[in-house]
Protein backbone atom coordinates (compact mmCIF):
# COMPACT_ATOMS: atom_id res chain seq x y z
CA MET A 1 -3.48 -16.79 -9.35
CA ALA A 2 -2.12 -17.18 -5.54
CA TYR A 3 0.72 -13.78 -4.77
CA SER A 4 3.17 -14.67 -2.09
CA LYS A 5 3.46 -12.77 1.05
CA GLU A 6 6.34 -11.10 -0.13
CA THR A 7 4.61 -9.95 -3.16
CA ARG A 8 1.67 -8.79 -0.75
CA THR A 9 3.26 -6.74 1.88
CA LYS A 10 5.85 -5.37 -0.99
CA ALA A 11 2.77 -3.80 -2.38
CA ARG A 12 1.83 -2.34 0.67
CA SER A 13 5.33 -0.44 1.24
CA LEU A 14 5.04 0.99 -2.06
CA TYR A 15 2.13 2.36 -1.20
CA VAL A 16 2.88 3.23 2.17
CA HIS A 17 6.40 4.37 2.19
CA SER A 18 6.73 5.14 -1.31
CA ARG A 19 3.31 6.51 -2.01
CA TYR A 20 2.91 4.83 -5.65
CA SER A 21 -1.02 4.79 -6.55
CA LEU A 22 -2.21 1.16 -6.64
CA PRO A 23 -2.71 1.01 -10.75
CA THR A 24 1.16 1.69 -10.46
CA ILE A 25 2.26 -0.42 -7.98
CA ALA A 26 -0.07 -3.25 -10.27
CA VAL A 27 2.21 -2.79 -13.22
CA SER A 28 5.50 -2.61 -11.16
CA LEU A 29 4.56 -5.60 -9.53
CA ASP A 30 2.76 -7.02 -12.66
CA VAL A 31 -0.74 -7.92 -11.02
CA GLY A 32 -3.90 -7.19 -11.36
CA SER A 33 -5.15 -3.36 -10.21
CA GLY A 34 -7.84 -5.21 -8.93
CA THR A 35 -5.88 -7.65 -6.69
CA VAL A 36 -3.80 -4.83 -5.23
CA SER A 37 -7.47 -3.42 -4.16
CA ARG A 38 -8.55 -6.32 -3.06
CA TRP A 39 -5.17 -6.68 -0.81
CA LYS A 40 -5.85 -2.93 0.39
CA ALA A 41 -9.38 -3.48 1.52
CA ASP A 42 -8.94 -7.45 3.07
CA ALA A 43 -6.02 -5.73 4.67
CA ARG A 44 -8.15 -2.91 6.63
CA LYS A 45 -10.71 -5.63 7.53
CA ARG A 46 -7.87 -6.87 9.23
CA GLY A 47 -7.09 -3.80 10.61
CA ASP A 48 -4.01 -2.50 9.07
CA ASP A 49 -5.56 0.83 7.10
CA TRP A 50 -2.94 1.32 4.49
CA ASP A 51 -4.55 5.00 4.68
CA ILE A 52 -3.91 5.21 8.00
CA ALA A 53 -0.56 4.25 7.39
CA ARG A 54 0.30 6.02 5.13
CA SER A 55 -0.97 9.22 6.61
CA ALA A 56 1.39 8.07 10.17
CA ASP A 57 4.70 7.57 7.40
CA MET A 58 4.16 10.72 5.67
CA MET A 59 4.08 12.70 9.05
CA GLN A 60 6.74 11.17 10.71
CA GLY A 61 9.20 11.24 7.70
CA GLU A 62 8.35 15.01 6.57
CA GLY A 63 6.51 16.50 10.13
CA PHE A 64 3.27 18.46 10.09
CA ASP A 65 4.59 21.69 8.23
CA LYS A 66 4.75 19.80 5.42
CA LEU A 67 1.71 18.50 5.62
């Protein structure tokens, strides 16, 4: 099944900004957990590492003292 770009963008946002786990994102968006994992891996290959973005968001939003 093909998913819209908006769904993929929402998955990234939930992971990076809301700090949801991949299985939680899958349930929230009614997408298979393997699909969400693949989106994350594909994004990394394109230079968009969700983990780095998540860390940067955390540091920006809460500062180093929270880490």
